[in-house]
Protein backbone atom coordinates (compact mmCIF):
# COMPACT_ATOMS: atom_id res chain seq x y z
CA MET A 1 -23.87 6.52 -3.98
CA VAL A 2 -22.39 3.55 -5.82
CA PHE A 3 -20.09 4.56 -8.95
CA THR A 4 -19.84 1.59 -11.61
CA ALA A 5 -16.12 0.64 -12.52
CA SER A 6 -14.88 3.12 -15.81
CA LEU A 7 -12.66 0.64 -17.22
CA LEU A 8 -10.94 2.82 -19.42
CA ALA A 9 -10.19 1.56 -23.23
CA LEU A 10 -6.65 0.60 -24.18
CA GLY A 11 -6.49 3.17 -26.86
CA SER A 12 -7.21 5.70 -24.45
CA LEU A 13 -4.05 5.19 -22.84
CA GLY A 14 -2.05 5.06 -25.95
CA SER A 15 -1.24 1.29 -24.58
CA VAL A 16 -1.08 -0.56 -21.44
CA GLY A 17 0.78 -3.67 -21.49
CA ALA A 18 4.00 -5.56 -20.59
CA ALA A 19 7.12 -3.60 -21.85
CA GLY A 20 9.28 -6.10 -24.52
CA ALA A 21 11.48 -8.71 -22.95
CA ALA A 22 14.14 -7.19 -24.77
CA ASP A 23 13.98 -3.98 -23.19
CA ALA A 24 13.78 -5.48 -19.75
CA PRO A 25 16.73 -6.15 -17.27
CA ALA A 26 16.15 -9.59 -15.93
CA VAL A 27 13.70 -10.11 -12.87
CA VAL A 28 16.04 -9.81 -9.82
CA ALA A 29 14.89 -11.90 -6.33
CA TRP A 30 13.49 -10.30 -3.20
CA GLU A 31 16.23 -10.87 -0.28
CA GLN A 32 14.81 -12.39 2.57
CA TRP A 33 16.11 -9.80 4.87
CA GLN A 34 14.50 -9.92 8.31
CA HIS A 35 13.02 -11.98 10.67
CA VAL A 36 9.78 -10.72 12.10
CA PRO A 37 7.04 -13.30 13.29
CA GLY A 38 3.64 -12.57 12.26
CA VAL A 39 4.64 -9.41 10.02
CA ILE A 40 1.69 -8.04 7.81
CA ASP A 41 2.74 -4.34 7.13
CA LEU A 42 5.66 -1.58 7.12
CA ALA A 43 5.47 1.92 7.14
CA GLY A 44 8.01 5.28 7.67
CA PRO A 45 10.33 6.01 7.73
CA ARG A 46 10.45 8.07 10.93
CA ARG A 47 12.15 11.15 11.87
CA ASP A 48 14.95 8.86 13.32
CA GLY A 49 15.15 6.45 10.07
CA GLN A 50 13.45 3.56 11.63
CA LEU A 51 10.68 1.88 10.37
CA VAL A 52 7.23 0.40 11.77
CA ALA A 53 6.04 -2.68 11.02
CA THR A 54 2.80 -4.31 12.18
CA ALA A 55 3.17 -8.16 13.70
CA ASN A 56 1.38 -10.28 16.09
CA GLY A 57 -1.13 -7.53 16.65
CA ARG A 58 1.78 -5.68 17.86
CA LEU A 59 3.70 -2.56 17.12
CA VAL A 60 7.91 -2.78 16.45
CA LEU A 61 10.29 -0.85 15.14
CA ILE A 62 12.88 -1.88 12.62
CA ASP A 63 15.87 -0.47 11.39
CA PRO A 64 16.41 -0.20 7.81
CA ALA A 65 20.64 0.08 8.07
CA THR A 66 20.74 -2.85 10.95
CA GLY A 67 17.74 -4.95 11.29
CA ARG A 68 17.43 -4.17 14.70
CA VAL A 69 13.74 -5.10 15.87
CA THR A 70 12.80 -3.24 18.97
CA ALA A 71 9.00 -3.07 20.59
CA PHE A 72 7.06 -0.25 19.85
CA ALA A 73 4.06 1.08 21.08
CA PRO A 74 2.92 -1.49 23.90
CA ALA A 75 -0.51 -0.11 24.90
CA TYR A 76 -1.42 -0.85 21.49
CA SER A 77 -2.63 -4.37 20.65
CA VAL A 78 -5.33 -5.86 18.10
CA ALA A 79 -6.39 -9.41 16.93
CA THR A 80 -3.59 -11.47 15.38
CA GLY A 81 -6.34 -12.56 12.74
CA PRO A 82 -7.14 -9.55 10.54
CA GLU A 83 -5.09 -7.65 8.71
CA SER A 84 -4.42 -4.32 10.54
CA TYR A 85 -2.70 -2.42 7.86
CA ILE A 86 -1.00 1.10 8.51
CA ALA A 87 0.09 4.32 7.40
CA MET A 88 2.20 6.97 9.06
CA SER A 89 2.01 10.88 8.71
CA PRO A 90 4.67 12.97 7.20
CA GLY A 91 3.36 15.95 8.75
CA LEU A 92 0.35 17.30 6.89
CA ALA A 93 -2.15 19.90 7.13
CA VAL A 94 -5.79 18.98 6.24
CA ASP A 95 -7.47 21.04 3.82
CA GLY A 96 -10.35 23.26 5.66
CA ALA A 97 -9.89 21.37 8.82
CA HIS A 98 -7.52 24.25 10.63
CA CYS A 99 -5.49 21.16 12.25
CA ARG A 100 -2.78 18.95 10.97
CA PHE A 101 -1.74 15.06 11.30
CA ARG A 102 1.60 14.98 13.21
CA ARG A 103 4.63 13.87 11.71
CA ASP A 104 5.59 9.99 12.89
CA ASP A 105 2.04 9.28 13.94
CA VAL A 106 0.98 5.72 12.88
CA PHE A 107 -2.72 5.12 12.07
CA ALA A 108 -4.00 1.86 11.95
CA LEU A 109 -7.19 -0.20 10.70
CA ASP A 110 -8.97 -1.25 13.89
CA PRO A 111 -10.80 -4.78 13.26
CA SER A 112 -13.00 -4.16 16.08
CA ALA A 113 -16.73 -3.49 16.01
CA PRO A 114 -17.33 -1.06 14.66
CA PRO A 115 -14.61 -0.86 12.32
CA GLY A 116 -12.53 2.24 12.27
CA VAL A 117 -8.75 3.84 12.73
CA LYS A 118 -6.81 3.78 16.28
CA ARG A 119 -3.96 6.75 16.15
CA ILE A 120 -0.44 5.79 17.58
CA ALA A 121 1.70 8.87 18.58
CA ALA A 122 5.33 8.40 18.47
CA ARG A 123 6.05 8.02 21.77
CA GLY A 124 3.66 5.45 21.86
CA THR A 125 0.10 6.29 23.32
CA VAL A 126 -2.97 5.26 21.80
CA THR A 127 -6.27 6.79 20.48
CA LYS A 128 -9.33 6.04 18.74
CA LEU A 129 -9.22 8.37 15.56
CA ALA A 130 -12.87 7.45 13.72
CA THR A 131 -15.02 4.59 13.43
CA ILE A 132 -15.86 4.26 9.26
CA PRO A 133 -19.62 3.78 9.13
CA GLY A 134 -21.08 1.61 6.06
CA VAL A 135 -18.53 -1.26 5.75
CA THR A 136 -18.22 -4.37 7.65
CA THR A 137 -14.40 -4.62 7.17
CA LEU A 138 -11.82 -2.58 6.59
CA THR A 139 -9.08 -3.55 3.93
CA GLY A 140 -6.54 -0.56 3.38
CA ILE A 141 -4.81 2.93 4.42
CA ALA A 142 -2.90 5.53 2.74
CA PHE A 143 -2.35 9.15 3.45
CA ASP A 144 -3.19 11.61 0.67
CA THR A 145 0.61 12.90 0.56
CA VAL A 146 -0.09 15.13 -3.00
CA GLY A 147 -3.49 16.88 -2.00
CA ARG A 148 -6.20 15.95 -4.27
CA PHE A 149 -8.32 14.53 -1.41
CA GLY A 150 -7.21 17.49 0.77
CA HIS A 151 -4.87 15.88 2.44
CA ARG A 152 -7.00 13.43 4.36
CA LEU A 153 -6.32 10.05 5.53
CA LEU A 154 -8.06 7.78 3.10
CA VAL A 155 -9.36 4.49 4.24
CA MET A 156 -11.62 1.54 2.04
CA GLY A 157 -13.52 -1.56 3.31
CA LEU A 158 -15.77 -3.70 2.27
CA SER A 159 -19.38 -2.58 1.89
CA GLU A 160 -21.20 -5.53 0.56
CA PRO A 161 -19.61 -8.37 -1.37
CA GLY A 162 -17.48 -7.13 -4.47
CA GLN A 163 -17.55 -3.58 -3.15
CA THR A 164 -15.82 -1.13 -1.66
CA ARG A 165 -16.29 1.79 0.03
CA VAL A 166 -13.47 4.55 -0.08
CA SER A 167 -13.71 7.17 2.93
CA ALA A 168 -11.57 9.75 3.63
CA VAL A 169 -10.81 10.82 7.16
CA ASP A 170 -9.48 14.53 8.19
CA CYS A 171 -7.19 15.27 11.52
CA ARG A 172 -10.57 15.70 13.93
CA GLY A 173 -11.64 12.02 12.86
CA LYS A 174 -14.30 13.37 10.60
CA VAL A 175 -15.42 11.27 7.74
CA THR A 176 -16.37 11.78 4.48
CA SER A 177 -17.46 9.18 2.06
CA ILE A 178 -15.57 9.41 -1.34
CA GLY A 179 -17.66 6.55 -3.00
CA VAL A 180 -18.65 3.36 -3.75
CA VAL A 181 -16.87 0.98 -6.19
CA ASP A 182 -17.88 -2.08 -7.54
CA ILE A 183 -15.22 -4.02 -7.04
CA ALA A 184 -13.41 -5.39 -4.19
CA LEU A 185 -9.51 -3.79 -3.30
CA GLU A 186 -7.94 -5.24 -0.46
CA GLY A 187 -3.72 -4.55 0.66
CA GLY A 188 -1.52 -1.73 0.18
CA MET A 189 -2.62 1.34 -1.27
CA ALA A 190 -1.30 4.65 -2.38
CA VAL A 191 -1.75 7.84 -3.96
CA ALA A 192 -0.15 8.88 -7.33
CA PRO A 193 2.21 11.81 -7.54
CA ARG A 194 0.83 14.65 -9.87
CA ASP A 195 2.78 13.74 -12.95
CA PHE A 196 1.21 9.98 -13.12
CA GLY A 197 -0.30 10.20 -16.52
CA LEU A 198 -4.00 10.74 -16.31
CA PHE A 199 -3.95 9.51 -12.83
CA GLY A 200 -1.73 11.99 -10.96
CA GLY A 201 -2.79 12.33 -7.77
CA GLN A 202 -5.29 9.94 -7.88
CA LEU A 203 -5.31 6.91 -5.20
CA PHE A 204 -4.61 3.17 -6.19
CA ALA A 205 -4.80 -0.07 -5.24
CA ALA A 206 -5.16 -3.85 -6.92
CA SER A 207 -7.64 -6.37 -7.51
CA GLU A 208 -5.44 -9.70 -6.47
CA ASP A 209 -8.76 -11.64 -8.04
CA THR A 210 -8.90 -9.90 -11.25
CA GLY A 211 -4.93 -9.49 -11.30
CA GLU A 212 -6.05 -5.51 -11.85
CA ILE A 213 -4.40 -2.06 -11.01
CA PHE A 214 -7.09 0.40 -10.09
CA ALA A 215 -7.38 4.43 -9.44
CA ILE A 216 -9.73 6.03 -7.78
CA SER A 217 -10.67 9.78 -8.21
CA PRO A 218 -11.67 12.09 -5.67
CA SER A 219 -14.80 11.98 -6.75
CA GLY A 220 -14.71 8.52 -6.57
CA LEU A 221 -14.69 7.34 -10.05
CA LEU A 222 -12.78 4.26 -10.81
CA SER A 223 -10.45 3.22 -13.70
CA ALA A 224 -8.89 0.18 -14.54
CA VAL A 225 -4.96 1.18 -15.19
CA ALA A 226 -3.42 -1.81 -16.69
CA PRO A 227 -3.25 -5.56 -15.77
CA SER A 228 -0.20 -6.84 -14.14
CA GLY A 229 0.05 -9.51 -16.44
CA VAL A 230 1.08 -11.66 -13.50
CA GLU A 231 -1.04 -14.53 -12.02
CA ALA A 232 -3.96 -13.41 -10.31
CA GLY A 233 -6.49 -14.88 -7.82
CA PRO A 234 -7.75 -15.25 -3.83
CA ASP A 235 -4.32 -14.85 -1.73
CA VAL A 236 -2.60 -15.49 -4.80
CA GLY A 237 -3.07 -11.64 -7.05
CA VAL A 238 -1.82 -8.46 -7.00
CA GLN A 239 -2.25 -7.07 -3.52
CA GLY A 240 -0.21 -3.96 -2.21
CA VAL A 241 1.07 -1.34 -4.08
CA GLY A 242 3.35 1.74 -3.10
CA PHE A 243 5.71 4.50 -5.74
CA VAL A 244 9.10 5.11 -6.34
CA PRO A 245 10.24 8.92 -4.45
CA ALA A 246 11.39 11.21 -6.41
CA LYS A 247 14.59 11.89 -5.64
CA GLY A 248 17.53 9.50 -3.99
CA ALA A 249 18.62 5.80 -4.37
CA PRO A 250 15.51 3.29 -3.56
CA THR A 251 15.16 0.26 -1.61
CA ALA A 252 11.66 -1.52 -1.27
CA PHE A 253 10.24 -3.56 1.41
CA ILE A 254 7.44 -5.78 2.08
CA ALA A 255 5.91 -7.66 4.73
CA ASP A 256 6.04 -11.53 4.21
CA ARG A 257 3.26 -13.26 6.27
CA GLY A 258 3.97 -16.46 7.33
CA GLY A 259 1.64 -19.44 8.70
CA GLN A 260 -0.44 -18.96 5.74
CA THR A 261 -1.89 -22.11 3.44
CA PRO A 262 0.65 -23.42 0.96
CA PRO A 263 1.88 -23.15 -1.54
CA HIS A 264 2.49 -19.29 -0.35
CA ALA A 265 2.67 -19.94 3.28
CA GLY A 266 5.15 -17.23 3.59
CA THR A 267 8.70 -17.03 5.74
CA ASP A 268 7.86 -14.18 8.67
CA SER A 269 10.02 -12.00 7.15
CA VAL A 270 10.56 -8.50 5.83
CA LEU A 271 11.91 -8.85 2.03
CA ARG A 272 13.96 -6.26 0.77
CA LEU A 273 14.80 -5.31 -2.72
CA ASP A 274 18.49 -2.92 -2.36
CA THR A 275 19.14 -0.06 -4.32
CA ALA A 276 21.80 -2.57 -6.96
CA ALA A 277 17.92 -4.35 -7.40
CA LEU A 278 16.11 -1.49 -8.38
CA ALA A 279 18.37 1.03 -9.72
CA ALA A 280 18.13 -0.17 -13.78
CA ARG A 281 14.78 -1.12 -13.37
CA VAL A 282 12.66 1.80 -11.66
CA GLN A 283 12.18 5.23 -12.26
CA PRO A 284 11.29 8.05 -9.92
CA GLY A 285 7.39 8.15 -9.65
CA ASP A 286 7.15 4.51 -11.41
CA LEU A 287 4.20 2.22 -9.24
CA LEU A 288 5.39 -0.90 -7.95
CA ALA A 289 2.93 -3.48 -7.07
CA ALA A 290 3.40 -6.79 -5.67
CA THR A 291 1.52 -9.72 -5.86
CA GLU A 292 0.44 -12.22 -2.78
CA GLY A 293 1.46 -15.29 -3.85
CA GLY A 294 5.40 -15.11 -4.43
CA ALA A 295 5.66 -11.34 -3.73
CA THR A 296 5.78 -10.78 -7.86
CA VAL A 297 6.66 -7.27 -8.30
CA VAL A 298 5.56 -5.53 -11.42
CA ASP A 299 6.70 -1.99 -12.06
CA VAL A 300 4.04 0.54 -13.95
CA ARG A 301 4.73 3.86 -16.06
CA CYS A 302 2.31 6.05 -16.95
CA SER A 303 3.03 9.14 -19.04
CA ASP A 304 0.82 9.49 -22.22
CA ARG A 305 0.12 5.76 -21.82
CA CYS A 306 0.75 3.12 -19.63
CA THR A 307 3.54 0.26 -19.54
CA VAL A 308 4.03 -3.08 -17.09
CA THR A 309 7.09 -4.48 -16.76
CA ARG A 310 7.84 -7.43 -14.20
CA ILE A 311 10.99 -6.49 -12.48
CA ALA A 312 11.35 -8.85 -9.33
CA THR A 313 9.97 -12.25 -7.32
CA GLY A 314 9.93 -13.53 -4.18
CA PRO A 315 10.91 -17.28 -2.94
CA SER A 316 8.04 -19.05 -4.33
CA ILE A 317 6.84 -19.98 -0.56
CA ALA A 318 6.54 -15.56 -0.05
CA HIS A 319 2.92 -14.59 1.02
CA GLY A 320 3.78 -10.92 0.64
CA GLU A 321 1.06 -8.40 2.45
CA GLY A 322 -0.10 -4.81 2.81
CA HIS A 323 2.18 -1.52 1.33
CA VAL A 324 5.09 -2.27 -1.04
CA LEU A 325 7.21 0.56 1.14
CA ILE A 326 9.84 2.57 -1.25
CA LEU A 327 12.42 4.29 0.92
CA ALA A 328 15.10 6.49 -0.75
CA ALA A 329 18.49 7.67 0.43
CA ALA A 330 20.01 10.63 -0.77
CA ARG A 331 22.82 9.52 -3.37
């Protein structure tokens, strides 16, 4: 079934728009933290504290404390052109499936035909979890850590030009269609915390073409949450999102993919915003959304209304890809 996009009128949220400049701290710059050739996405942390990155069709581990990069899962390999985004299981029992996603297992979009999802165990073994029907290509992946989608793995992909199918996959590989929405969505997506205003527990993704940030309900209803207020367009607009954890001192990371078309050719590095950069600019539960061109970041905060504030930007050459990964260390 095709669900027509339900664009919420601004009045239904109280107000949606950019926070006043007088109220917002100065915009900060991403740190070009660690050189990782071909990096396109990040997930984690694992139980041992390390992050997993997909780069040049392979997986690597990155120590967030030292930046040390080591090879991981040599049995895993995909083509280097497609954007094989990844998600890591925090250890989830799936509602009604009598099984669970094991902690630290990584799930990667499989761009081969037919499109599907690969599972990479914490020790590096690789298996096929599922084939995703009704899509020509896959464009996003995230875990439902909140529960409104039954703690399943959520995957989106293009079904036809200008349409995106959202599917849910359980730990046995059973695929259920959530719905098809009338807009092309791509990049790092994430499920909102329960107290994120009207959109608690819904799946968030962005349209780089329009610059809008959207929420998708468990019934497949698409809602426009807010305009990003930054530059939009193919390979330019908002592409990845992530939520600030409820506790701890946050640090954010994003993949800056190199070898792309100028002016946003990318630096082949992982960018970082440390706690000092974020402390005065974000609150627990906020959504951070980053553009593909220049890695500009906006903070979206929703309660009875939503506000959008620009908080950071990357080097102008940056080419942001995948999820905005936000870790929170104990204070």
